[in-house]
Amino acid sequence: MVSSQIIDVINKLCSKFGIAIDWSQKNVQPYLESLVTKAVNYELYTSIMWIVIGAILIGISLFYLSKANRCKERYIKYKKDYTVDTESDYTCKELYRILGWFLFITAILIIIYNTNDVIKCITFPDKVVFDMIQSYLPTN
């Protein structure tokens, strides 16, 4: 059975959000179970969304890196011809390379961080709920 201490904690949390509900022993347990499930699913789905965004960023970064290689080939091809502005091609290559690597590293970090969240949601969903609740509790 749900203890009165848990009901007190829920009342305090609800008061922080401006919700006033009369919790009884009968209706608090099903609500808690559905709330925990929704919180874990929310964290899981947002983490999956960020992993997809990271995968898209990897694709964009590979596009920029390949574009940098094309600029490099153009730079080498027209290097002997002094009438062609090779300096802009060289700057183009460096800009694409820097942007590509920045996006690639950012995407890898996003994927690693959110993969950790997905694993946490699947293996230990209670920790996800505890972390969410702890962020709303005052630190003393």
N, C-alpha and C. Protein backbone atom coordinates (compact mmCIF):
# COMPACT_ATOMS: atom_id res chain seq x y z
N MET A 1 0.84 -1.19 0.00
CA MET A 1 0.00 0.00 0.00
C MET A 1 0.88 1.25 0.00
N VAL A 2 0.37 2.32 -0.46
CA VAL A 2 1.10 3.57 -0.54
C VAL A 2 1.04 4.26 0.81
N SER A 3 2.19 4.66 1.30
CA SER A 3 2.23 5.29 2.62
C SER A 3 1.80 6.75 2.55
N SER A 4 1.46 7.29 3.69
CA SER A 4 1.03 8.69 3.74
C SER A 4 2.18 9.64 3.44
N GLN A 5 3.42 9.19 3.66
CA GLN A 5 4.57 10.03 3.36
C GLN A 5 4.70 10.27 1.85
N ILE A 6 4.42 9.24 1.07
CA ILE A 6 4.47 9.40 -0.38
C ILE A 6 3.38 10.37 -0.84
N ILE A 7 2.21 10.26 -0.23
CA ILE A 7 1.11 11.17 -0.57
C ILE A 7 1.49 12.60 -0.22
N ASP A 8 2.18 12.80 0.91
CA ASP A 8 2.63 14.14 1.29
C ASP A 8 3.63 14.69 0.28
N VAL A 9 4.55 13.85 -0.17
CA VAL A 9 5.53 14.28 -1.16
C VAL A 9 4.82 14.67 -2.46
N ILE A 10 3.87 13.87 -2.89
CA ILE A 10 3.13 14.17 -4.12
C ILE A 10 2.36 15.47 -3.97
N ASN A 11 1.74 15.70 -2.80
CA ASN A 11 1.03 16.95 -2.56
C ASN A 11 1.96 18.15 -2.65
N LYS A 12 3.16 18.01 -2.08
CA LYS A 12 4.13 19.12 -2.15
C LYS A 12 4.57 19.37 -3.59
N LEU A 13 4.81 18.29 -4.35
CA LEU A 13 5.19 18.46 -5.75
C LEU A 13 4.05 19.10 -6.55
N CYS A 14 2.83 18.67 -6.28
CA CYS A 14 1.69 19.24 -7.00
C CYS A 14 1.49 20.71 -6.64
N SER A 15 1.75 21.07 -5.40
CA SER A 15 1.60 22.47 -5.02
C SER A 15 2.62 23.35 -5.73
N LYS A 16 3.80 22.80 -6.04
CA LYS A 16 4.80 23.57 -6.80
C LYS A 16 4.29 23.89 -8.20
N PHE A 17 3.47 22.99 -8.77
CA PHE A 17 2.93 23.20 -10.10
C PHE A 17 1.55 23.85 -10.07
N GLY A 18 1.03 24.12 -8.90
CA GLY A 18 -0.28 24.76 -8.78
C GLY A 18 -1.43 23.79 -8.95
N ILE A 19 -1.22 22.52 -8.64
CA ILE A 19 -2.27 21.51 -8.77
C ILE A 19 -2.74 21.13 -7.37
N ALA A 20 -4.05 21.12 -7.18
CA ALA A 20 -4.60 20.72 -5.88
C ALA A 20 -5.51 19.51 -6.10
N ILE A 21 -5.04 18.35 -5.68
CA ILE A 21 -5.79 17.10 -5.83
C ILE A 21 -5.84 16.42 -4.48
N ASP A 22 -7.00 15.88 -4.15
CA ASP A 22 -7.15 15.13 -2.91
C ASP A 22 -6.70 13.70 -3.16
N TRP A 23 -5.51 13.39 -2.72
CA TRP A 23 -4.96 12.06 -2.95
C TRP A 23 -5.45 11.12 -1.86
N SER A 24 -5.91 9.96 -2.27
CA SER A 24 -6.28 8.92 -1.31
C SER A 24 -5.46 7.68 -1.63
N GLN A 25 -5.54 6.72 -0.78
CA GLN A 25 -4.77 5.49 -0.98
C GLN A 25 -5.17 4.79 -2.27
N LYS A 26 -6.47 4.89 -2.66
CA LYS A 26 -6.95 4.16 -3.82
C LYS A 26 -6.50 4.75 -5.15
N ASN A 27 -6.51 6.08 -5.25
CA ASN A 27 -6.24 6.65 -6.57
C ASN A 27 -4.81 7.11 -6.78
N VAL A 28 -3.97 7.05 -5.76
CA VAL A 28 -2.61 7.53 -5.94
C VAL A 28 -1.71 6.51 -6.64
N GLN A 29 -1.89 5.24 -6.39
CA GLN A 29 -1.01 4.23 -6.97
C GLN A 29 -1.17 4.10 -8.48
N PRO A 30 -2.39 4.01 -9.02
CA PRO A 30 -2.50 3.97 -10.49
C PRO A 30 -1.97 5.24 -11.16
N TYR A 31 -2.22 6.38 -10.52
CA TYR A 31 -1.72 7.62 -11.09
C TYR A 31 -0.20 7.66 -11.08
N LEU A 32 0.39 7.21 -9.98
CA LEU A 32 1.86 7.17 -9.90
C LEU A 32 2.45 6.26 -10.96
N GLU A 33 1.85 5.10 -11.16
CA GLU A 33 2.35 4.17 -12.16
C GLU A 33 2.28 4.77 -13.57
N SER A 34 1.16 5.41 -13.88
CA SER A 34 1.04 6.01 -15.21
C SER A 34 1.98 7.21 -15.36
N LEU A 35 2.16 7.97 -14.28
CA LEU A 35 3.07 9.12 -14.32
C LEU A 35 4.51 8.68 -14.54
N VAL A 36 4.92 7.62 -13.86
CA VAL A 36 6.27 7.11 -14.01
C VAL A 36 6.48 6.60 -15.44
N THR A 37 5.50 5.89 -15.96
CA THR A 37 5.60 5.39 -17.33
C THR A 37 5.71 6.53 -18.34
N LYS A 38 4.89 7.56 -18.15
CA LYS A 38 4.93 8.70 -19.06
C LYS A 38 6.26 9.45 -18.97
N ALA A 39 6.79 9.60 -17.76
CA ALA A 39 8.06 10.31 -17.58
C ALA A 39 9.21 9.56 -18.25
N VAL A 40 9.23 8.24 -18.09
CA VAL A 40 10.29 7.44 -18.70
C VAL A 40 10.15 7.45 -20.22
N ASN A 41 8.91 7.33 -20.72
CA ASN A 41 8.70 7.38 -22.18
C ASN A 41 9.09 8.73 -22.75
N TYR A 42 8.80 9.80 -22.03
CA TYR A 42 9.19 11.14 -22.48
C TYR A 42 10.70 11.23 -22.63
N GLU A 43 11.42 10.79 -21.61
CA GLU A 43 12.89 10.85 -21.66
C GLU A 43 13.42 9.95 -22.78
N LEU A 44 12.83 8.78 -22.95
CA LEU A 44 13.26 7.84 -23.99
C LEU A 44 13.04 8.42 -25.38
N TYR A 45 11.85 8.98 -25.62
CA TYR A 45 11.54 9.49 -26.95
C TYR A 45 12.34 10.75 -27.29
N THR A 46 12.56 11.61 -26.31
CA THR A 46 13.38 12.79 -26.61
C THR A 46 14.83 12.39 -26.87
N SER A 47 15.32 11.39 -26.16
CA SER A 47 16.69 10.92 -26.42
C SER A 47 16.80 10.31 -27.81
N ILE A 48 15.79 9.55 -28.22
CA ILE A 48 15.80 8.97 -29.56
C ILE A 48 15.75 10.07 -30.61
N MET A 49 14.95 11.12 -30.35
CA MET A 49 14.88 12.24 -31.29
C MET A 49 16.25 12.89 -31.44
N TRP A 50 16.98 13.09 -30.32
CA TRP A 50 18.31 13.70 -30.40
C TRP A 50 19.30 12.79 -31.11
N ILE A 51 19.16 11.48 -30.97
CA ILE A 51 20.04 10.56 -31.69
C ILE A 51 19.79 10.69 -33.20
N VAL A 52 18.53 10.82 -33.59
CA VAL A 52 18.21 10.99 -35.02
C VAL A 52 18.79 12.32 -35.53
N ILE A 53 18.66 13.37 -34.72
CA ILE A 53 19.24 14.67 -35.10
C ILE A 53 20.76 14.55 -35.24
N GLY A 54 21.39 13.79 -34.32
CA GLY A 54 22.84 13.56 -34.42
C GLY A 54 23.21 12.81 -35.69
N ALA A 55 22.39 11.84 -36.08
CA ALA A 55 22.66 11.10 -37.32
C ALA A 55 22.52 12.02 -38.53
N ILE A 56 21.54 12.91 -38.50
CA ILE A 56 21.38 13.87 -39.60
C ILE A 56 22.59 14.80 -39.66
N LEU A 57 23.07 15.23 -38.49
CA LEU A 57 24.25 16.10 -38.45
C LEU A 57 25.49 15.39 -38.99
N ILE A 58 25.59 14.09 -38.75
CA ILE A 58 26.72 13.33 -39.31
C ILE A 58 26.64 13.34 -40.84
N GLY A 59 25.43 13.16 -41.37
CA GLY A 59 25.26 13.22 -42.83
C GLY A 59 25.64 14.59 -43.38
N ILE A 60 25.22 15.65 -42.71
CA ILE A 60 25.57 17.00 -43.16
C ILE A 60 27.07 17.23 -43.07
N SER A 61 27.69 16.73 -41.99
CA SER A 61 29.14 16.92 -41.85
C SER A 61 29.90 16.16 -42.93
N LEU A 62 29.45 14.96 -43.27
CA LEU A 62 30.10 14.21 -44.35
C LEU A 62 29.94 14.93 -45.68
N PHE A 63 28.79 15.58 -45.88
CA PHE A 63 28.60 16.37 -47.10
C PHE A 63 29.60 17.52 -47.15
N TYR A 64 29.77 18.22 -46.05
CA TYR A 64 30.73 19.34 -46.03
C TYR A 64 32.17 18.86 -46.19
N LEU A 65 32.50 17.72 -45.59
CA LEU A 65 33.86 17.20 -45.75
C LEU A 65 34.12 16.77 -47.20
N SER A 66 33.12 16.19 -47.85
CA SER A 66 33.30 15.82 -49.26
C SER A 66 33.39 17.08 -50.14
N LYS A 67 32.65 18.10 -49.77
CA LYS A 67 32.73 19.37 -50.50
C LYS A 67 34.12 19.99 -50.32
N ALA A 68 34.71 19.84 -49.14
CA ALA A 68 36.07 20.33 -48.91
C ALA A 68 37.06 19.58 -49.80
N ASN A 69 36.86 18.29 -49.97
CA ASN A 69 37.75 17.52 -50.85
C ASN A 69 37.60 17.95 -52.30
N ARG A 70 36.37 18.29 -52.72
CA ARG A 70 36.18 18.78 -54.09
C ARG A 70 36.86 20.13 -54.28
N CYS A 71 36.80 20.98 -53.25
CA CYS A 71 37.49 22.27 -53.34
C CYS A 71 39.00 22.05 -53.42
N LYS A 72 39.49 21.05 -52.69
CA LYS A 72 40.92 20.75 -52.71
C LYS A 72 41.35 20.27 -54.10
N GLU A 73 40.54 19.42 -54.71
CA GLU A 73 40.86 18.93 -56.06
C GLU A 73 40.85 20.08 -57.05
N ARG A 74 39.92 20.99 -56.93
CA ARG A 74 39.88 22.15 -57.81
C ARG A 74 41.10 23.03 -57.59
N TYR A 75 41.49 23.17 -56.32
CA TYR A 75 42.67 23.98 -55.99
C TYR A 75 43.92 23.40 -56.63
N ILE A 76 44.08 22.08 -56.54
CA ILE A 76 45.26 21.42 -57.13
C ILE A 76 45.20 21.49 -58.65
N LYS A 77 44.00 21.32 -59.23
CA LYS A 77 43.86 21.31 -60.67
C LYS A 77 44.22 22.67 -61.29
N TYR A 78 43.77 23.74 -60.65
CA TYR A 78 44.00 25.08 -61.21
C TYR A 78 45.16 25.82 -60.55
N LYS A 79 45.98 25.11 -59.81
CA LYS A 79 47.08 25.76 -59.10
C LYS A 79 48.09 26.37 -60.08
N LYS A 80 48.28 25.72 -61.22
CA LYS A 80 49.27 26.20 -62.18
C LYS A 80 48.75 27.38 -62.99
N ASP A 81 47.44 27.50 -63.07
CA ASP A 81 46.84 28.59 -63.83
C ASP A 81 46.68 29.80 -62.91
N TYR A 82 47.47 30.83 -63.17
CA TYR A 82 47.48 32.00 -62.28
C TYR A 82 46.30 32.94 -62.51
N THR A 83 45.55 32.70 -63.57
CA THR A 83 44.41 33.58 -63.83
C THR A 83 43.19 33.20 -62.99
N VAL A 84 43.19 31.98 -62.44
CA VAL A 84 42.07 31.52 -61.62
C VAL A 84 42.34 31.91 -60.17
N ASP A 85 41.31 32.35 -59.49
CA ASP A 85 41.44 32.77 -58.10
C ASP A 85 41.50 31.53 -57.20
N THR A 86 42.70 31.01 -56.98
CA THR A 86 42.84 29.80 -56.18
C THR A 86 42.78 30.08 -54.69
N GLU A 87 42.98 31.31 -54.29
CA GLU A 87 42.92 31.64 -52.86
C GLU A 87 41.51 31.42 -52.31
N SER A 88 40.50 31.77 -53.08
CA SER A 88 39.12 31.57 -52.62
C SER A 88 38.80 30.08 -52.54
N ASP A 89 39.36 29.29 -53.47
CA ASP A 89 39.15 27.85 -53.39
C ASP A 89 39.81 27.28 -52.14
N TYR A 90 40.99 27.77 -51.81
CA TYR A 90 41.68 27.29 -50.62
C TYR A 90 40.89 27.68 -49.36
N THR A 91 40.39 28.90 -49.30
CA THR A 91 39.58 29.35 -48.17
C THR A 91 38.29 28.54 -48.09
N CYS A 92 37.70 28.26 -49.22
CA CYS A 92 36.50 27.44 -49.29
C CYS A 92 36.77 26.06 -48.70
N LYS A 93 37.89 25.48 -49.06
CA LYS A 93 38.25 24.15 -48.56
C LYS A 93 38.39 24.14 -47.06
N GLU A 94 39.09 25.13 -46.52
CA GLU A 94 39.31 25.18 -45.07
C GLU A 94 38.01 25.44 -44.31
N LEU A 95 37.17 26.30 -44.87
CA LEU A 95 35.90 26.59 -44.22
C LEU A 95 35.01 25.36 -44.16
N TYR A 96 34.91 24.65 -45.27
CA TYR A 96 34.11 23.42 -45.29
C TYR A 96 34.69 22.35 -44.37
N ARG A 97 36.01 22.25 -44.33
CA ARG A 97 36.64 21.25 -43.47
C ARG A 97 36.38 21.55 -42.00
N ILE A 98 36.54 22.82 -41.59
CA ILE A 98 36.29 23.19 -40.19
C ILE A 98 34.83 22.96 -39.82
N LEU A 99 33.91 23.39 -40.69
CA LEU A 99 32.49 23.21 -40.43
C LEU A 99 32.12 21.73 -40.39
N GLY A 100 32.66 20.96 -41.28
CA GLY A 100 32.38 19.53 -41.31
C GLY A 100 32.84 18.82 -40.06
N TRP A 101 34.07 19.09 -39.64
CA TRP A 101 34.58 18.43 -38.43
C TRP A 101 33.85 18.90 -37.18
N PHE A 102 33.49 20.19 -37.12
CA PHE A 102 32.74 20.70 -35.97
C PHE A 102 31.39 19.99 -35.86
N LEU A 103 30.68 19.88 -36.99
CA LEU A 103 29.39 19.19 -36.97
C LEU A 103 29.54 17.71 -36.64
N PHE A 104 30.59 17.09 -37.15
CA PHE A 104 30.81 15.66 -36.89
C PHE A 104 31.06 15.41 -35.41
N ILE A 105 31.92 16.19 -34.80
CA ILE A 105 32.23 16.00 -33.37
C ILE A 105 31.01 16.32 -32.51
N THR A 106 30.29 17.37 -32.86
CA THR A 106 29.06 17.71 -32.12
C THR A 106 28.05 16.58 -32.22
N ALA A 107 27.88 16.02 -33.40
CA ALA A 107 26.93 14.92 -33.59
C ALA A 107 27.32 13.69 -32.79
N ILE A 108 28.60 13.37 -32.77
CA ILE A 108 29.06 12.20 -32.00
C ILE A 108 28.79 12.41 -30.51
N LEU A 109 29.06 13.60 -30.00
CA LEU A 109 28.80 13.89 -28.59
C LEU A 109 27.31 13.80 -28.26
N ILE A 110 26.47 14.32 -29.14
CA ILE A 110 25.02 14.24 -28.94
C ILE A 110 24.57 12.79 -28.92
N ILE A 111 25.07 11.99 -29.83
CA ILE A 111 24.68 10.59 -29.91
C ILE A 111 25.14 9.82 -28.67
N ILE A 112 26.37 10.04 -28.24
CA ILE A 112 26.89 9.32 -27.06
C ILE A 112 26.08 9.69 -25.82
N TYR A 113 25.83 10.98 -25.60
CA TYR A 113 25.10 11.41 -24.42
C TYR A 113 23.68 10.84 -24.41
N ASN A 114 23.00 10.86 -25.54
CA ASN A 114 21.62 10.40 -25.57
C ASN A 114 21.51 8.89 -25.63
N THR A 115 22.52 8.21 -26.13
CA THR A 115 22.52 6.75 -26.04
C THR A 115 22.59 6.32 -24.59
N ASN A 116 23.36 7.05 -23.79
CA ASN A 116 23.41 6.78 -22.36
C ASN A 116 22.03 6.95 -21.73
N ASP A 117 21.27 7.96 -22.13
CA ASP A 117 19.92 8.16 -21.62
C ASP A 117 18.98 7.03 -22.04
N VAL A 118 19.10 6.57 -23.27
CA VAL A 118 18.25 5.48 -23.73
C VAL A 118 18.53 4.22 -22.92
N ILE A 119 19.80 3.92 -22.70
CA ILE A 119 20.16 2.74 -21.90
C ILE A 119 19.63 2.88 -20.48
N LYS A 120 19.73 4.09 -19.92
CA LYS A 120 19.23 4.33 -18.57
C LYS A 120 17.71 4.15 -18.51
N CYS A 121 17.00 4.61 -19.52
CA CYS A 121 15.54 4.47 -19.54
C CYS A 121 15.11 3.01 -19.65
N ILE A 122 15.87 2.23 -20.38
CA ILE A 122 15.50 0.83 -20.57
C ILE A 122 15.89 -0.02 -19.37
N THR A 123 17.07 0.18 -18.83
CA THR A 123 17.55 -0.69 -17.76
C THR A 123 17.15 -0.24 -16.36
N PHE A 124 17.09 1.06 -16.12
CA PHE A 124 16.79 1.54 -14.77
C PHE A 124 15.86 2.76 -14.84
N PRO A 125 14.59 2.53 -15.18
CA PRO A 125 13.67 3.66 -15.35
C PRO A 125 13.41 4.44 -14.07
N ASP A 126 13.58 3.80 -12.92
CA ASP A 126 13.36 4.52 -11.65
C ASP A 126 14.36 5.66 -11.48
N LYS A 127 15.58 5.46 -11.94
CA LYS A 127 16.59 6.52 -11.83
C LYS A 127 16.19 7.75 -12.64
N VAL A 128 15.57 7.53 -13.79
CA VAL A 128 15.11 8.65 -14.61
C VAL A 128 14.07 9.47 -13.84
N VAL A 129 13.15 8.77 -13.19
CA VAL A 129 12.10 9.45 -12.42
C VAL A 129 12.72 10.16 -11.23
N PHE A 130 13.64 9.53 -10.54
CA PHE A 130 14.29 10.17 -9.39
C PHE A 130 15.04 11.42 -9.81
N ASP A 131 15.72 11.36 -10.95
CA ASP A 131 16.45 12.54 -11.44
C ASP A 131 15.49 13.67 -11.80
N MET A 132 14.35 13.33 -12.38
CA MET A 132 13.37 14.35 -12.73
C MET A 132 12.79 15.00 -11.47
N ILE A 133 12.45 14.19 -10.49
CA ILE A 133 11.89 14.73 -9.25
C ILE A 133 12.93 15.55 -8.50
N GLN A 134 14.16 15.07 -8.50
CA GLN A 134 15.22 15.77 -7.76
C GLN A 134 15.49 17.15 -8.32
N SER A 135 15.25 17.34 -9.61
CA SER A 135 15.49 18.67 -10.18
C SER A 135 14.45 19.69 -9.69
N TYR A 136 13.31 19.23 -9.20
CA TYR A 136 12.29 20.15 -8.70
C TYR A 136 12.34 20.35 -7.19
N LEU A 137 13.10 19.52 -6.49
CA LEU A 137 13.19 19.64 -5.05
C LEU A 137 14.24 20.68 -4.67
N PRO A 138 13.99 21.46 -3.62
CA PRO A 138 15.00 22.44 -3.21
C PRO A 138 16.21 21.74 -2.58
N THR A 139 17.36 22.29 -2.82
CA THR A 139 18.58 21.74 -2.23
C THR A 139 18.86 22.47 -0.91
N ASN A 140 19.04 21.72 0.13
CA ASN A 140 19.30 22.29 1.46
C ASN A 140 20.65 21.85 1.95
